[in-house]
N, C-alpha and C. Protein backbone atom coordinates (compact mmCIF):
# COMPACT_ATOMS: atom_id res chain seq x y z
N UNK A 1 4.49 14.70 -26.73
CA UNK A 1 3.26 14.71 -26.14
C UNK A 1 2.68 16.21 -25.46
N UNK A 2 1.33 16.34 -25.58
CA UNK A 2 0.97 17.51 -25.27
C UNK A 2 0.61 17.73 -23.56
N UNK A 3 1.01 16.57 -22.84
CA UNK A 3 0.74 16.61 -21.28
C UNK A 3 -0.76 16.52 -20.72
N UNK A 4 -1.43 15.98 -21.80
CA UNK A 4 -2.91 15.76 -21.34
C UNK A 4 -3.01 14.20 -20.99
N UNK A 5 -3.76 13.74 -20.25
CA UNK A 5 -4.09 12.48 -19.60
C UNK A 5 -5.06 11.67 -20.70
N UNK A 6 -4.87 10.54 -21.07
CA UNK A 6 -5.79 9.47 -21.53
C UNK A 6 -6.67 8.85 -20.48
N UNK A 7 -7.81 9.37 -20.47
CA UNK A 7 -8.61 8.88 -19.21
C UNK A 7 -9.13 7.34 -19.50
N UNK A 8 -9.16 6.70 -20.47
CA UNK A 8 -9.41 5.47 -20.69
C UNK A 8 -7.93 4.78 -20.40
N UNK A 9 -6.86 5.22 -20.81
CA UNK A 9 -5.64 4.70 -20.46
C UNK A 9 -5.56 4.73 -18.96
N UNK A 10 -5.65 5.64 -18.14
CA UNK A 10 -5.65 5.87 -16.97
C UNK A 10 -6.49 4.65 -16.26
N UNK A 11 -7.67 4.67 -16.60
CA UNK A 11 -8.57 3.60 -16.05
C UNK A 11 -8.05 2.21 -16.00
N UNK A 12 -7.61 1.98 -17.37
CA UNK A 12 -6.98 0.70 -17.56
C UNK A 12 -5.84 0.30 -16.58
N UNK A 13 -4.96 1.24 -16.42
CA UNK A 13 -3.73 1.10 -15.49
C UNK A 13 -4.03 1.01 -13.98
N UNK A 14 -5.32 1.58 -13.78
CA UNK A 14 -5.64 1.70 -12.50
C UNK A 14 -6.16 0.19 -11.89
N UNK A 15 -6.58 -0.50 -13.03
CA UNK A 15 -7.03 -1.90 -12.81
C UNK A 15 -5.99 -2.79 -12.55
N UNK A 16 -4.69 -2.66 -12.89
CA UNK A 16 -3.47 -3.31 -12.70
C UNK A 16 -2.71 -3.11 -11.43
N UNK A 17 -2.26 -4.34 -10.84
CA UNK A 17 -1.62 -4.26 -9.51
C UNK A 17 -0.36 -3.45 -9.49
N UNK A 18 0.19 -3.06 -8.21
CA UNK A 18 1.51 -2.38 -8.03
C UNK A 18 2.25 -3.41 -7.66
N UNK A 19 3.48 -3.51 -8.28
CA UNK A 19 4.46 -4.57 -8.03
C UNK A 19 5.38 -3.92 -7.07
N UNK A 20 5.75 -4.31 -5.78
CA UNK A 20 7.06 -3.78 -5.12
C UNK A 20 8.30 -4.53 -5.63
N UNK A 21 9.26 -3.75 -6.21
CA UNK A 21 10.50 -4.41 -6.49
C UNK A 21 11.66 -3.85 -5.52
N UNK A 22 12.51 -4.73 -5.03
CA UNK A 22 13.70 -4.57 -4.65
C UNK A 22 14.69 -5.39 -5.04
N UNK A 23 15.66 -4.61 -6.00
CA UNK A 23 16.51 -5.36 -6.83
C UNK A 23 17.98 -4.31 -6.92
N UNK A 24 18.80 -4.88 -7.63
CA UNK A 24 20.07 -4.29 -7.91
C UNK A 24 19.99 -3.73 -9.46
N UNK A 25 20.12 -2.35 -9.57
CA UNK A 25 20.02 -2.06 -11.07
C UNK A 25 21.24 -1.43 -11.21
N UNK A 26 21.44 -0.91 -12.72
CA UNK A 26 22.66 -0.20 -12.84
C UNK A 26 22.12 1.12 -13.63
N UNK A 27 23.04 2.08 -13.99
CA UNK A 27 22.89 3.34 -14.65
C UNK A 27 24.19 3.81 -15.00
N UNK A 28 24.28 4.29 -16.43
CA UNK A 28 25.41 5.15 -16.72
C UNK A 28 25.13 6.58 -16.78
N UNK A 29 26.10 7.43 -16.52
CA UNK A 29 25.76 8.82 -16.56
C UNK A 29 27.10 9.58 -16.73
N UNK A 30 27.28 10.77 -17.05
CA UNK A 30 28.46 11.65 -17.06
C UNK A 30 28.87 11.71 -15.88
N UNK A 31 30.30 11.96 -15.39
CA UNK A 31 30.77 11.94 -14.04
C UNK A 31 30.12 13.14 -13.71
N UNK A 32 29.75 14.25 -14.20
CA UNK A 32 29.41 15.22 -13.51
C UNK A 32 27.86 15.22 -13.21
N UNK A 33 27.09 14.29 -13.59
CA UNK A 33 25.78 14.08 -13.23
C UNK A 33 25.65 13.28 -12.00
N UNK A 34 24.64 13.85 -11.07
CA UNK A 34 24.03 13.06 -9.94
C UNK A 34 23.43 11.66 -10.56
N UNK A 35 23.89 10.65 -9.88
CA UNK A 35 23.61 9.36 -10.49
C UNK A 35 21.96 9.12 -10.18
N UNK A 36 21.39 9.83 -9.21
CA UNK A 36 20.09 9.69 -8.85
C UNK A 36 19.05 10.81 -9.14
N UNK A 37 19.55 11.54 -10.18
CA UNK A 37 18.74 12.75 -10.68
C UNK A 37 18.17 12.39 -11.94
N UNK A 38 16.76 12.86 -12.01
CA UNK A 38 16.14 12.90 -13.34
C UNK A 38 15.84 14.12 -13.94
N UNK A 39 16.74 15.00 -13.88
CA UNK A 39 16.66 16.26 -14.20
C UNK A 39 16.79 16.26 -15.76
N UNK A 40 17.68 15.57 -16.16
CA UNK A 40 17.53 15.47 -17.79
C UNK A 40 16.42 14.94 -18.28
N UNK A 41 15.86 13.69 -17.86
CA UNK A 41 14.77 13.13 -18.40
C UNK A 41 13.50 14.19 -18.23
N UNK A 42 13.52 15.11 -16.96
CA UNK A 42 12.35 15.97 -16.85
C UNK A 42 12.71 17.14 -17.89
N UNK A 43 13.82 17.82 -18.31
CA UNK A 43 13.94 18.73 -19.23
C UNK A 43 13.73 18.27 -20.78
N UNK A 44 14.21 16.98 -21.21
CA UNK A 44 14.12 16.60 -22.34
C UNK A 44 13.06 15.45 -22.76
N UNK A 45 12.45 14.96 -21.77
CA UNK A 45 11.70 13.69 -21.64
C UNK A 45 12.29 12.60 -21.99
N UNK A 46 11.77 11.55 -21.57
CA UNK A 46 12.28 10.08 -21.94
C UNK A 46 11.36 9.16 -22.20
N UNK A 47 11.75 8.08 -22.34
CA UNK A 47 10.66 6.93 -23.20
C UNK A 47 9.39 7.00 -22.08
N UNK A 48 9.52 6.89 -20.93
CA UNK A 48 8.35 6.73 -20.14
C UNK A 48 8.09 8.04 -19.13
N UNK A 49 8.49 9.21 -19.67
CA UNK A 49 8.20 10.37 -19.06
C UNK A 49 8.03 11.55 -19.90
N UNK A 50 6.82 12.27 -19.94
CA UNK A 50 6.93 13.56 -20.97
C UNK A 50 7.89 14.69 -20.37
N UNK A 51 8.22 15.26 -21.14
CA UNK A 51 9.13 16.53 -20.53
C UNK A 51 8.43 17.49 -19.89
N UNK A 52 9.16 18.14 -18.90
CA UNK A 52 8.51 19.15 -18.08
C UNK A 52 7.40 18.78 -17.40
N UNK A 53 6.84 17.59 -17.20
CA UNK A 53 5.70 17.34 -16.27
C UNK A 53 6.23 16.60 -14.81
N UNK A 54 7.31 15.46 -15.03
CA UNK A 54 8.01 14.99 -13.88
C UNK A 54 9.37 14.35 -14.54
N UNK A 55 10.10 14.01 -13.54
CA UNK A 55 11.71 13.48 -13.97
C UNK A 55 11.44 12.14 -13.75
N UNK A 56 12.26 11.29 -14.35
CA UNK A 56 12.43 9.99 -14.12
C UNK A 56 13.98 9.77 -14.14
N UNK A 57 14.31 8.69 -13.36
CA UNK A 57 15.64 8.37 -13.11
C UNK A 57 15.57 6.81 -13.88
N UNK A 58 16.31 6.73 -15.04
CA UNK A 58 16.32 5.33 -15.63
C UNK A 58 17.60 4.62 -15.43
N UNK A 59 17.00 3.27 -15.03
CA UNK A 59 17.95 2.28 -14.50
C UNK A 59 17.94 1.12 -15.38
N UNK A 60 18.80 0.26 -15.44
CA UNK A 60 18.64 -1.11 -16.43
C UNK A 60 19.25 -2.26 -15.53
N UNK A 61 18.71 -3.39 -15.77
CA UNK A 61 19.16 -4.62 -15.26
C UNK A 61 18.98 -5.82 -16.35
N UNK A 62 20.18 -6.61 -16.54
CA UNK A 62 21.19 -6.88 -15.81
C UNK A 62 22.13 -5.77 -16.16
N UNK A 63 23.52 -5.59 -15.62
CA UNK A 63 24.34 -4.96 -15.84
C UNK A 63 24.69 -4.66 -17.40
N UNK A 64 24.66 -5.80 -18.17
CA UNK A 64 24.98 -5.80 -19.61
C UNK A 64 23.72 -4.93 -20.26
N UNK A 65 22.65 -4.66 -19.65
CA UNK A 65 21.63 -3.90 -20.37
C UNK A 65 22.23 -2.63 -20.66
N UNK A 66 23.06 -1.90 -19.64
CA UNK A 66 23.67 -0.63 -19.91
C UNK A 66 24.36 -0.52 -21.12
N UNK A 67 25.05 -1.39 -21.71
CA UNK A 67 25.69 -1.56 -22.90
C UNK A 67 24.69 -1.38 -24.01
N UNK A 68 23.60 -1.94 -23.98
CA UNK A 68 22.56 -1.66 -25.08
C UNK A 68 22.11 -0.49 -25.03
N UNK A 69 21.81 0.08 -23.91
CA UNK A 69 21.34 1.57 -23.74
C UNK A 69 22.38 2.52 -24.24
N UNK A 70 23.50 2.36 -24.07
CA UNK A 70 24.73 2.89 -24.44
C UNK A 70 24.77 3.22 -25.95
N UNK A 71 24.61 1.88 -26.34
CA UNK A 71 24.64 1.55 -27.97
C UNK A 71 23.43 2.48 -28.66
N UNK A 72 22.22 2.58 -28.06
CA UNK A 72 21.02 3.30 -28.49
C UNK A 72 21.44 4.67 -28.50
N UNK A 73 22.02 5.36 -27.28
CA UNK A 73 22.36 6.64 -27.00
C UNK A 73 23.62 7.23 -28.10
N UNK A 74 24.49 6.39 -28.40
CA UNK A 74 25.38 6.55 -29.30
C UNK A 74 25.00 6.77 -30.68
N UNK A 75 24.06 5.87 -31.07
CA UNK A 75 23.35 5.78 -32.42
C UNK A 75 22.47 7.22 -32.62
N UNK A 76 21.89 7.58 -31.50
CA UNK A 76 20.99 8.82 -31.64
C UNK A 76 22.13 10.10 -31.77
N UNK A 77 23.28 10.00 -31.36
CA UNK A 77 24.23 10.89 -31.43
C UNK A 77 25.03 10.82 -32.73
N UNK A 78 24.75 9.87 -33.49
CA UNK A 78 25.61 9.51 -34.73
C UNK A 78 27.10 9.38 -34.43
N UNK A 79 27.05 8.39 -33.43
CA UNK A 79 28.62 7.89 -33.09
C UNK A 79 28.60 6.60 -32.58
N UNK A 80 29.92 6.17 -32.13
CA UNK A 80 29.84 4.82 -31.60
C UNK A 80 29.97 4.91 -30.18
N UNK A 81 29.33 3.75 -29.47
CA UNK A 81 29.53 3.93 -27.83
C UNK A 81 31.03 4.12 -27.44
N UNK A 82 31.80 3.50 -28.07
CA UNK A 82 33.32 3.71 -27.63
C UNK A 82 33.76 5.23 -27.85
N UNK A 83 33.40 5.76 -28.84
CA UNK A 83 33.69 7.22 -28.99
C UNK A 83 33.05 8.10 -27.86
N UNK A 84 31.65 7.91 -27.67
CA UNK A 84 30.86 8.54 -26.75
C UNK A 84 31.65 8.31 -25.34
N UNK A 85 32.15 7.05 -25.10
CA UNK A 85 32.62 6.90 -23.77
C UNK A 85 33.89 7.34 -23.44
N UNK A 86 34.59 7.98 -24.43
CA UNK A 86 35.74 8.68 -24.18
C UNK A 86 35.66 9.98 -23.44
N UNK A 87 34.36 10.55 -23.26
CA UNK A 87 33.99 11.36 -22.36
C UNK A 87 33.85 10.54 -20.97
N UNK A 88 34.13 11.49 -19.71
CA UNK A 88 33.95 10.82 -18.56
C UNK A 88 32.61 10.31 -18.04
N UNK A 89 32.46 9.17 -18.35
CA UNK A 89 31.24 8.35 -17.76
C UNK A 89 31.49 7.48 -16.57
N UNK A 90 30.55 7.31 -15.61
CA UNK A 90 30.59 6.38 -14.72
C UNK A 90 29.50 5.21 -14.80
N UNK A 91 29.59 4.21 -14.62
CA UNK A 91 28.59 3.07 -14.25
C UNK A 91 28.28 2.84 -13.05
N UNK A 92 27.13 3.20 -12.59
CA UNK A 92 26.70 3.05 -11.03
C UNK A 92 25.83 1.89 -10.98
N UNK A 93 26.16 1.27 -9.76
CA UNK A 93 25.20 0.22 -9.13
C UNK A 93 24.26 0.72 -8.23
N UNK A 94 22.92 0.36 -8.28
CA UNK A 94 21.96 1.30 -7.39
C UNK A 94 20.98 0.27 -6.69
N UNK A 95 20.72 0.17 -5.66
CA UNK A 95 20.11 -0.54 -4.89
C UNK A 95 18.62 -0.05 -4.84
N UNK A 96 17.78 -0.73 -5.37
CA UNK A 96 16.27 -0.36 -5.43
C UNK A 96 15.36 -0.92 -4.29
N UNK A 97 14.79 -0.29 -3.48
CA UNK A 97 14.06 -0.87 -2.40
C UNK A 97 12.76 -0.49 -2.16
N UNK A 98 12.03 -1.83 -2.47
CA UNK A 98 10.50 -1.59 -2.28
C UNK A 98 9.73 -0.32 -3.11
N UNK A 99 10.33 -0.22 -4.41
CA UNK A 99 9.56 0.76 -5.44
C UNK A 99 8.34 0.07 -5.94
N UNK A 100 7.24 0.90 -5.78
CA UNK A 100 6.09 0.08 -6.45
C UNK A 100 5.77 0.52 -7.95
N UNK A 101 5.99 -0.27 -8.97
CA UNK A 101 5.66 -0.05 -10.42
C UNK A 101 4.78 -0.71 -10.93
N UNK A 102 4.46 0.09 -11.89
CA UNK A 102 3.50 -0.51 -13.12
C UNK A 102 4.43 -1.60 -13.94
N UNK A 103 4.11 -2.91 -13.85
CA UNK A 103 5.13 -3.86 -14.58
C UNK A 103 4.74 -4.46 -15.95
N UNK A 104 5.35 -3.94 -16.82
CA UNK A 104 5.06 -4.09 -18.12
C UNK A 104 5.81 -5.31 -18.82
N UNK A 105 6.35 -6.02 -18.00
CA UNK A 105 7.16 -7.18 -18.61
C UNK A 105 6.37 -8.27 -19.02
N UNK A 106 5.05 -8.36 -18.55
CA UNK A 106 4.07 -9.32 -19.22
C UNK A 106 3.28 -8.85 -20.47
N UNK A 107 3.84 -9.54 -21.66
CA UNK A 107 3.32 -9.19 -22.88
C UNK A 107 1.69 -9.06 -22.75
N UNK A 108 0.98 -9.65 -21.96
CA UNK A 108 -0.66 -9.56 -21.81
C UNK A 108 -0.81 -8.26 -21.24
N UNK A 109 0.00 -7.76 -20.35
CA UNK A 109 -0.02 -6.30 -19.75
C UNK A 109 0.14 -5.11 -20.79
N UNK A 110 1.11 -5.24 -21.71
CA UNK A 110 1.40 -4.52 -22.64
C UNK A 110 0.19 -4.32 -23.70
N UNK A 111 -0.28 -5.48 -24.14
CA UNK A 111 -1.52 -5.72 -24.96
C UNK A 111 -2.66 -4.98 -24.38
N UNK A 112 -2.92 -5.20 -23.10
CA UNK A 112 -4.11 -4.44 -22.50
C UNK A 112 -3.95 -3.04 -22.45
N UNK A 113 -2.80 -2.60 -22.61
CA UNK A 113 -2.58 -1.29 -22.46
C UNK A 113 -2.33 -0.55 -23.93
N UNK A 114 -2.54 -1.54 -24.88
CA UNK A 114 -2.45 -0.85 -26.17
C UNK A 114 -0.99 -0.98 -26.76
N UNK A 115 0.02 -1.45 -26.11
CA UNK A 115 1.42 -1.39 -26.46
C UNK A 115 1.91 -2.83 -26.94
N UNK A 116 2.90 -2.64 -27.95
CA UNK A 116 3.61 -3.97 -28.34
C UNK A 116 5.05 -3.74 -27.83
N UNK A 117 5.94 -4.76 -28.04
CA UNK A 117 7.32 -4.74 -27.64
C UNK A 117 8.07 -3.76 -28.93
N UNK A 118 7.28 -3.77 -30.13
CA UNK A 118 7.68 -2.99 -31.18
C UNK A 118 7.55 -1.30 -30.72
N UNK A 119 6.48 -0.92 -30.08
CA UNK A 119 6.29 0.42 -29.33
C UNK A 119 7.37 0.58 -28.33
N UNK A 120 7.73 -0.43 -27.52
CA UNK A 120 8.62 -0.05 -26.61
C UNK A 120 9.91 0.40 -27.23
N UNK A 121 10.35 -0.34 -28.34
CA UNK A 121 11.55 0.09 -28.92
C UNK A 121 11.58 1.30 -29.92
N UNK A 122 10.22 1.46 -30.21
CA UNK A 122 10.25 2.59 -31.19
C UNK A 122 10.84 3.93 -30.71
N UNK A 123 11.38 4.62 -31.88
CA UNK A 123 11.92 5.79 -31.60
C UNK A 123 10.76 7.00 -31.32
N UNK A 124 9.78 6.72 -31.72
CA UNK A 124 8.63 7.68 -31.09
C UNK A 124 8.15 7.18 -29.86
N UNK A 125 8.14 8.14 -28.94
CA UNK A 125 8.02 7.67 -27.49
C UNK A 125 6.61 8.02 -27.22
N UNK A 126 5.72 8.60 -27.87
CA UNK A 126 4.53 9.24 -27.50
C UNK A 126 3.71 8.09 -26.85
N UNK A 127 3.46 6.73 -27.25
CA UNK A 127 2.55 5.64 -26.60
C UNK A 127 3.31 5.55 -25.08
N UNK A 128 4.59 5.10 -25.09
CA UNK A 128 5.13 5.00 -24.00
C UNK A 128 4.98 6.20 -22.79
N UNK A 129 5.11 7.35 -23.18
CA UNK A 129 5.19 8.46 -22.48
C UNK A 129 3.75 8.71 -21.93
N UNK A 130 2.60 8.26 -22.78
CA UNK A 130 1.12 8.21 -22.02
C UNK A 130 0.86 7.31 -21.02
N UNK A 131 1.67 6.19 -21.24
CA UNK A 131 1.65 5.17 -20.19
C UNK A 131 2.34 5.64 -19.00
N UNK A 132 3.63 6.10 -19.10
CA UNK A 132 4.20 6.58 -17.99
C UNK A 132 3.56 7.66 -17.27
N UNK A 133 2.86 8.67 -18.00
CA UNK A 133 2.34 9.78 -17.27
C UNK A 133 1.04 9.14 -16.85
N UNK A 134 0.14 8.30 -17.23
CA UNK A 134 -0.91 7.73 -16.61
C UNK A 134 -0.58 7.04 -15.32
N UNK A 135 0.58 6.33 -15.38
CA UNK A 135 1.07 5.65 -14.03
C UNK A 135 1.51 6.63 -12.95
N UNK A 136 2.33 7.81 -13.39
CA UNK A 136 2.66 8.88 -12.51
C UNK A 136 1.53 9.22 -11.90
N UNK A 137 0.37 9.66 -12.74
CA UNK A 137 -0.61 10.21 -12.12
C UNK A 137 -1.49 9.55 -11.14
N UNK A 138 -1.35 8.07 -11.41
CA UNK A 138 -1.96 7.22 -10.50
C UNK A 138 -1.28 6.80 -9.24
N UNK A 139 0.11 7.52 -9.05
CA UNK A 139 0.89 7.48 -7.83
C UNK A 139 1.67 6.15 -7.96
N UNK A 140 1.89 5.57 -8.96
CA UNK A 140 2.83 4.42 -9.13
C UNK A 140 4.26 5.33 -8.94
N UNK A 141 5.20 4.60 -8.52
CA UNK A 141 6.79 4.96 -8.36
C UNK A 141 7.57 4.89 -9.34
N UNK A 142 7.22 4.22 -10.47
CA UNK A 142 8.11 3.96 -11.68
C UNK A 142 7.29 2.83 -12.58
N UNK A 143 7.98 2.73 -13.82
CA UNK A 143 7.56 1.69 -14.73
C UNK A 143 8.73 0.84 -14.91
N UNK A 144 8.43 -0.54 -14.79
CA UNK A 144 9.37 -1.83 -15.31
C UNK A 144 8.84 -2.18 -16.62
N UNK A 145 9.89 -2.06 -17.44
CA UNK A 145 9.46 -2.46 -18.74
C UNK A 145 10.76 -3.13 -19.51
N UNK A 146 10.57 -3.98 -20.63
CA UNK A 146 11.66 -4.42 -21.50
C UNK A 146 12.33 -3.39 -21.89
N UNK A 147 13.87 -3.39 -22.06
CA UNK A 147 14.53 -2.50 -22.60
C UNK A 147 14.31 -2.17 -24.03
N UNK A 148 14.48 -0.99 -24.60
CA UNK A 148 14.24 -0.42 -25.95
C UNK A 148 15.35 -1.28 -26.70
N UNK A 149 16.60 -1.60 -26.06
CA UNK A 149 17.65 -2.30 -26.89
C UNK A 149 17.46 -3.67 -26.94
N UNK A 150 16.40 -4.36 -26.32
CA UNK A 150 16.06 -5.70 -26.43
C UNK A 150 16.74 -6.42 -25.56
N UNK A 151 17.84 -5.89 -24.52
CA UNK A 151 18.56 -6.64 -23.58
C UNK A 151 18.04 -6.25 -22.33
N UNK A 152 17.46 -6.97 -21.43
CA UNK A 152 17.22 -6.71 -19.92
C UNK A 152 16.05 -5.77 -19.68
N UNK A 153 15.87 -5.27 -18.59
CA UNK A 153 14.79 -4.37 -18.29
C UNK A 153 15.18 -3.21 -17.97
N UNK A 154 14.44 -2.09 -18.08
CA UNK A 154 14.57 -0.76 -17.68
C UNK A 154 13.56 -0.28 -16.52
N UNK A 155 14.06 0.34 -15.54
CA UNK A 155 13.07 0.80 -14.63
C UNK A 155 13.18 2.22 -14.69
N UNK A 156 12.07 3.13 -14.82
CA UNK A 156 11.99 4.32 -14.99
C UNK A 156 11.55 4.87 -13.55
N UNK A 157 12.21 5.12 -12.76
CA UNK A 157 11.54 5.50 -11.44
C UNK A 157 11.49 7.01 -11.26
N UNK A 158 10.16 7.44 -11.04
CA UNK A 158 9.54 8.64 -10.79
C UNK A 158 10.03 9.41 -9.70
N UNK A 159 10.76 10.50 -9.86
CA UNK A 159 11.18 11.51 -9.21
C UNK A 159 9.86 12.22 -8.54
N UNK A 160 10.07 12.44 -7.25
CA UNK A 160 8.83 13.13 -6.60
C UNK A 160 7.90 11.78 -5.98
N UNK A 161 7.89 10.83 -6.30
CA UNK A 161 7.17 9.72 -5.99
C UNK A 161 8.21 8.86 -5.08
N UNK A 162 9.25 9.02 -4.98
CA UNK A 162 10.41 8.05 -4.21
C UNK A 162 10.38 8.71 -2.77
N UNK A 163 10.78 7.73 -1.75
CA UNK A 163 11.29 8.23 -0.53
C UNK A 163 12.89 8.08 -0.78
N UNK A 164 13.70 9.07 -0.03
CA UNK A 164 14.98 9.09 -0.19
C UNK A 164 15.65 7.78 -0.05
N UNK A 165 15.09 6.95 0.81
CA UNK A 165 15.84 5.44 1.01
C UNK A 165 15.52 4.47 0.04
N UNK A 166 15.02 5.00 -1.14
CA UNK A 166 14.33 3.70 -2.03
C UNK A 166 15.36 3.63 -3.15
N UNK A 167 16.40 4.46 -3.30
CA UNK A 167 17.29 4.28 -4.36
C UNK A 167 18.68 4.66 -3.55
N UNK A 168 19.72 3.82 -3.70
CA UNK A 168 20.85 4.16 -3.15
C UNK A 168 21.94 3.67 -3.94
N UNK A 169 22.90 4.59 -4.09
CA UNK A 169 24.08 4.02 -5.13
C UNK A 169 25.18 3.36 -4.32
N UNK A 170 25.35 2.19 -4.74
CA UNK A 170 26.22 1.16 -3.89
C UNK A 170 27.67 1.09 -4.33
N UNK A 171 27.81 1.40 -5.64
CA UNK A 171 29.19 1.31 -6.44
C UNK A 171 29.32 2.34 -7.76
N UNK A 172 30.31 2.94 -7.98
CA UNK A 172 30.46 3.48 -9.33
C UNK A 172 31.87 3.39 -9.79
N UNK A 173 31.62 2.90 -11.03
CA UNK A 173 33.21 2.60 -11.67
C UNK A 173 33.17 3.22 -13.05
N UNK A 174 34.37 3.64 -13.49
CA UNK A 174 34.37 4.45 -14.99
C UNK A 174 33.93 3.56 -15.77
N UNK A 175 33.00 4.15 -16.62
CA UNK A 175 32.46 3.47 -17.80
C UNK A 175 33.20 3.86 -19.09
N UNK A 176 34.15 2.86 -19.37
CA UNK A 176 35.08 3.12 -20.58
C UNK A 176 34.86 2.45 -21.42
N UNK A 177 35.41 2.75 -22.67
CA UNK A 177 35.25 1.78 -23.91
C UNK A 177 35.39 0.34 -23.80
N UNK A 178 36.52 0.06 -22.99
CA UNK A 178 36.94 -1.40 -22.60
C UNK A 178 35.89 -1.86 -21.91
N UNK A 179 35.45 -1.23 -20.78
CA UNK A 179 34.29 -1.81 -20.13
C UNK A 179 32.96 -2.12 -21.15
N UNK A 180 32.66 -1.20 -21.81
CA UNK A 180 31.49 -1.26 -22.89
C UNK A 180 31.59 -2.62 -23.48
N UNK A 181 33.01 -2.79 -24.18
CA UNK A 181 33.34 -3.84 -24.98
C UNK A 181 32.93 -5.24 -24.26
N UNK A 182 33.46 -5.26 -23.00
CA UNK A 182 33.39 -6.08 -22.06
C UNK A 182 31.88 -6.70 -21.85
N UNK A 183 31.09 -5.75 -21.44
CA UNK A 183 29.60 -5.88 -21.23
C UNK A 183 28.87 -6.33 -22.48
N UNK A 184 29.38 -5.82 -23.76
CA UNK A 184 28.86 -6.17 -24.82
C UNK A 184 28.82 -7.57 -25.33
N UNK A 185 30.02 -8.24 -24.78
CA UNK A 185 30.26 -9.42 -25.24
C UNK A 185 30.37 -10.61 -24.43
N UNK A 186 30.61 -10.41 -23.19
CA UNK A 186 30.97 -11.55 -22.35
C UNK A 186 30.73 -11.20 -20.67
N UNK A 187 30.75 -12.23 -20.15
CA UNK A 187 30.74 -11.87 -18.48
C UNK A 187 31.99 -11.05 -18.03
N UNK A 188 31.57 -10.15 -17.21
CA UNK A 188 32.91 -9.35 -16.63
C UNK A 188 32.75 -9.51 -15.14
N UNK A 189 34.04 -9.10 -14.65
CA UNK A 189 34.15 -8.85 -13.35
C UNK A 189 34.37 -7.26 -12.92
N UNK A 190 33.28 -6.84 -12.17
CA UNK A 190 33.45 -5.30 -11.80
C UNK A 190 33.77 -5.17 -10.26
N UNK A 191 35.04 -4.89 -9.62
CA UNK A 191 35.29 -4.80 -8.03
C UNK A 191 34.98 -6.24 -7.56
N UNK A 192 35.40 -7.14 -8.05
CA UNK A 192 35.02 -8.64 -7.43
C UNK A 192 33.62 -8.97 -7.72
N UNK A 193 32.79 -8.40 -8.26
CA UNK A 193 31.40 -9.13 -8.59
C UNK A 193 31.35 -9.73 -9.81
N UNK A 194 30.84 -10.73 -9.97
CA UNK A 194 30.78 -11.62 -11.20
C UNK A 194 29.58 -11.19 -11.82
N UNK A 195 29.74 -10.46 -12.95
CA UNK A 195 28.38 -9.94 -13.67
C UNK A 195 27.99 -10.63 -14.78
């Protein structure tokens, strides 16, 4: 993406409502990374944010959606999730409080913006980055969309648009190959919480 805004897309997004969400989301990251940092997405780009324009903190719900995201990340690295997770990763539980998002969970909204579920799952992020860039430009605090893995939802929360209290880490546990397998196949219990 070249960083230029699609003015037609900006107008279509500006007609859409902002949805306030307050829910529990999850994120996995290396143990060295701040779980509330979008620095990696800013430096390299992400599905909903072009690189070097703004950072985004990528969160998922329900918790097993993190397994799908880990599977996609491992595939991109030409490895397995179990091998990737032999490094030190943590699975964070994050409270999201009153974040104003562009809600792309309705297929009609996706269609209005020229996106399909196939676009959301595509390895070419250009179309999604254009939507995220326009939403960020309009002051949305994030994008809520179907996960590219096909399991659950992803919230791309835009750094610089959030107040400090809107995202809070509630818990962190080691994201081990065993936990990955549990999330991939069945209901699990993490620190007494039925997930």
